[in-house]
Amino acid sequence: MHYIRPRPIWATLTPYVIGGLIVGLTAPTLQSLAAAQFGRPGVGSMVIVNLILPALFVGLSAIYPDWRVALGGTLLGSLLFLLLTGHRGSLSSQYLVTFIRSMRPVLFVACIAYHVLAFGTAMLVSRFRRVGEPPHPQACPQCGYLMIGLPSQRCPECGGERRR
């Protein structure tokens, strides 16, 4: 098990915000380049929505595998992308339902899929890489009781064997 040092929330969400910002600002250029290259105007949007954004969110949730950060960061990155690509709507709390209803159905489903992918990736990767401090080497593997200075190899709390 590899442990990742916990970071402040602003430091963990910043890459999602920057990623959504970069993709949102470069989307018109990518769309025009793809339209010129492939002769179809929707190819650029397809590549952004189906490849670039999912890869961004999955990659970031694999780097820092905390499901709360993955969901919050994906939400922030998706909203920034939508606002920068011309989706006009108000983000105030009373108009959030109107904002969601005014989205194209494909983008709405894609945003849900981004969240599912980011959550799934964070949960899968967290089995091998955890955010937090590693357990003390002299702690009981079952209950975490520190067995420093105890003559016995058995834990007085739960009866588990000490790691060697």
Protein backbone atom coordinates (compact mmCIF):
# COMPACT_ATOMS: atom_id res chain seq x y z
CA MET A 1 0.00 0.00 0.00
CA HIS A 2 1.31 3.40 -0.97
CA TYR A 3 0.19 6.41 1.07
CA ILE A 4 -0.20 9.91 -0.32
CA ARG A 5 0.27 12.84 2.03
CA PRO A 6 -3.01 14.71 2.60
CA ARG A 7 -3.18 18.13 0.99
CA PRO A 8 -5.41 21.17 1.60
CA ILE A 9 -8.70 21.11 -0.30
CA TRP A 10 -7.75 24.09 -2.46
CA ALA A 11 -4.59 22.29 -3.60
CA THR A 12 -6.49 19.16 -4.57
CA LEU A 13 -9.28 20.93 -6.46
CA THR A 14 -7.02 23.38 -8.32
CA PRO A 15 -5.93 20.88 -11.04
CA TYR A 16 -9.59 20.13 -11.85
CA VAL A 17 -10.35 23.85 -12.13
CA ILE A 18 -7.28 24.51 -14.28
CA GLY A 19 -8.10 21.50 -16.47
CA GLY A 20 -11.69 22.64 -17.03
CA LEU A 21 -10.43 26.15 -17.71
CA ILE A 22 -7.84 25.04 -20.28
CA VAL A 23 -10.24 22.68 -22.08
CA GLY A 24 -12.99 25.31 -22.06
CA LEU A 25 -10.71 28.04 -23.44
CA THR A 26 -9.14 25.83 -26.12
CA ALA A 27 -12.42 24.16 -27.18
CA PRO A 28 -13.19 26.55 -30.08
CA THR A 29 -9.69 26.11 -31.48
CA LEU A 30 -9.85 22.33 -31.12
CA GLN A 31 -13.28 22.25 -32.74
CA SER A 32 -12.18 24.31 -35.75
CA LEU A 33 -9.00 22.26 -36.18
CA ALA A 34 -10.93 19.00 -36.08
CA ALA A 35 -13.56 20.35 -38.49
CA ALA A 36 -10.82 21.39 -40.95
CA GLN A 37 -8.97 18.08 -40.58
CA PHE A 38 -11.93 15.70 -40.80
CA GLY A 39 -14.42 17.80 -42.76
CA ARG A 40 -17.16 17.40 -40.18
CA PRO A 41 -18.02 20.15 -37.70
CA GLY A 42 -19.01 17.90 -34.76
CA VAL A 43 -15.80 15.87 -34.56
CA GLY A 44 -14.03 18.37 -32.30
CA SER A 45 -16.89 18.44 -29.81
CA MET A 46 -17.03 14.65 -29.84
CA VAL A 47 -13.31 14.40 -29.08
CA ILE A 48 -13.53 16.94 -26.25
CA VAL A 49 -16.66 15.48 -24.63
CA ASN A 50 -15.84 11.77 -25.14
CA LEU A 51 -12.04 11.68 -24.82
CA ILE A 52 -10.33 14.76 -23.38
CA LEU A 53 -12.61 15.57 -20.42
CA PRO A 54 -13.04 11.95 -19.24
CA ALA A 55 -9.27 11.37 -19.51
CA LEU A 56 -8.65 14.55 -17.52
CA PHE A 57 -11.03 13.64 -14.70
CA VAL A 58 -10.03 9.97 -14.54
CA GLY A 59 -6.33 10.88 -14.55
CA LEU A 60 -6.70 13.43 -11.78
CA SER A 61 -8.78 11.10 -9.63
CA ALA A 62 -6.12 8.39 -10.07
CA ILE A 63 -3.36 10.79 -8.98
CA TYR A 64 -5.19 11.83 -5.80
CA PRO A 65 -7.64 8.98 -5.06
CA ASP A 66 -10.09 10.59 -2.66
CA TRP A 67 -13.68 10.15 -3.84
CA ARG A 68 -14.83 13.43 -2.30
CA VAL A 69 -12.14 15.37 -4.15
CA ALA A 70 -12.90 13.45 -7.36
CA LEU A 71 -16.61 14.32 -7.26
CA GLY A 72 -16.10 17.95 -6.21
CA GLY A 73 -13.29 18.53 -8.70
CA THR A 74 -15.24 16.94 -11.54
CA LEU A 75 -18.21 19.16 -10.73
CA LEU A 76 -16.05 22.31 -10.74
CA GLY A 77 -14.19 21.32 -13.91
CA SER A 78 -17.42 20.43 -15.73
CA LEU A 79 -19.11 23.68 -14.75
CA LEU A 80 -16.12 25.74 -15.86
CA PHE A 81 -16.02 23.89 -19.18
CA LEU A 82 -19.75 24.46 -19.73
CA LEU A 83 -19.55 28.16 -18.88
CA LEU A 84 -16.49 28.78 -21.04
CA THR A 85 -17.86 26.95 -24.07
CA GLY A 86 -20.86 29.21 -24.33
CA HIS A 87 -23.43 27.44 -22.19
CA ARG A 88 -25.35 30.40 -20.88
CA GLY A 89 -27.20 29.99 -17.67
CA SER A 90 -27.23 31.33 -14.18
CA LEU A 91 -25.43 29.42 -11.45
CA SER A 92 -27.24 30.93 -8.51
CA SER A 93 -28.87 28.39 -6.22
CA GLN A 94 -32.45 29.20 -7.23
CA TYR A 95 -31.65 28.87 -10.93
CA LEU A 96 -29.57 25.67 -10.74
CA VAL A 97 -32.51 23.56 -11.96
CA THR A 98 -32.96 25.94 -14.89
CA PHE A 99 -29.24 25.69 -15.64
CA ILE A 100 -29.44 21.89 -15.74
CA ARG A 101 -32.63 21.90 -17.83
CA SER A 102 -31.07 24.25 -20.37
CA MET A 103 -28.12 21.90 -20.97
CA ARG A 104 -28.03 19.73 -24.05
CA PRO A 105 -28.99 16.16 -23.07
CA VAL A 106 -25.67 14.81 -24.38
CA LEU A 107 -23.70 17.16 -22.12
CA PHE A 108 -25.90 16.35 -19.14
CA VAL A 109 -25.34 12.61 -19.58
CA ALA A 110 -21.63 13.21 -20.20
CA CYS A 111 -21.32 15.19 -16.94
CA ILE A 112 -22.97 12.36 -15.03
CA ALA A 113 -20.65 9.87 -16.75
CA TYR A 114 -17.62 12.00 -15.77
CA HIS A 115 -18.68 11.81 -12.13
CA VAL A 116 -19.23 8.05 -12.28
CA LEU A 117 -15.84 7.52 -13.96
CA ALA A 118 -14.00 9.78 -11.50
CA PHE A 119 -15.69 8.16 -8.49
CA GLY A 120 -15.02 4.66 -9.79
CA THR A 121 -11.39 5.45 -10.54
CA ALA A 122 -10.84 6.98 -7.10
CA MET A 123 -12.41 3.97 -5.38
CA LEU A 124 -10.42 1.47 -7.48
CA VAL A 125 -7.08 3.24 -7.09
CA SER A 126 -7.60 3.84 -3.37
CA ARG A 127 -7.17 0.11 -2.83
CA PHE A 128 -3.51 0.55 -3.83
CA ARG A 129 -2.83 4.23 -3.07
CA ARG A 130 -4.43 5.89 -0.05
CA VAL A 131 -4.61 9.48 1.02
CA GLY A 132 -3.42 9.69 4.60
CA GLU A 133 -0.62 8.72 6.91
CA PRO A 134 0.66 5.13 6.97
CA PRO A 135 -0.02 3.17 10.15
CA HIS A 136 2.66 3.08 12.82
CA PRO A 137 4.96 0.06 12.35
CA GLN A 138 4.42 -1.08 15.94
CA ALA A 139 0.64 -0.74 15.87
CA CYS A 140 -1.70 -3.71 16.02
CA PRO A 141 -2.80 -4.56 12.47
CA GLN A 142 -6.41 -5.20 13.57
CA CYS A 143 -7.28 -2.37 15.97
CA GLY A 144 -4.38 0.11 15.69
CA TYR A 145 -3.35 -0.09 19.36
CA LEU A 146 0.28 1.04 19.79
CA MET A 147 2.19 -1.90 21.24
CA ILE A 148 5.41 -0.02 21.99
CA GLY A 149 7.29 -1.49 24.92
CA LEU A 150 4.98 -4.47 25.44
CA PRO A 151 6.83 -7.75 26.08
CA SER A 152 4.06 -9.83 24.53
CA GLN A 153 3.41 -10.21 20.78
CA ARG A 154 -0.35 -10.20 21.46
CA CYS A 155 -2.43 -7.01 21.49
CA PRO A 156 -4.04 -6.33 24.90
CA GLU A 157 -7.05 -4.69 23.17
CA CYS A 158 -8.13 -7.25 20.59
CA GLY A 159 -5.75 -10.22 20.91
CA GLY A 160 -4.24 -9.78 17.44
CA GLU A 161 -0.65 -10.71 16.66
CA ARG A 162 2.00 -7.98 16.27
CA ARG A 163 3.62 -7.57 12.87
CA ARG A 164 7.28 -8.43 12.69
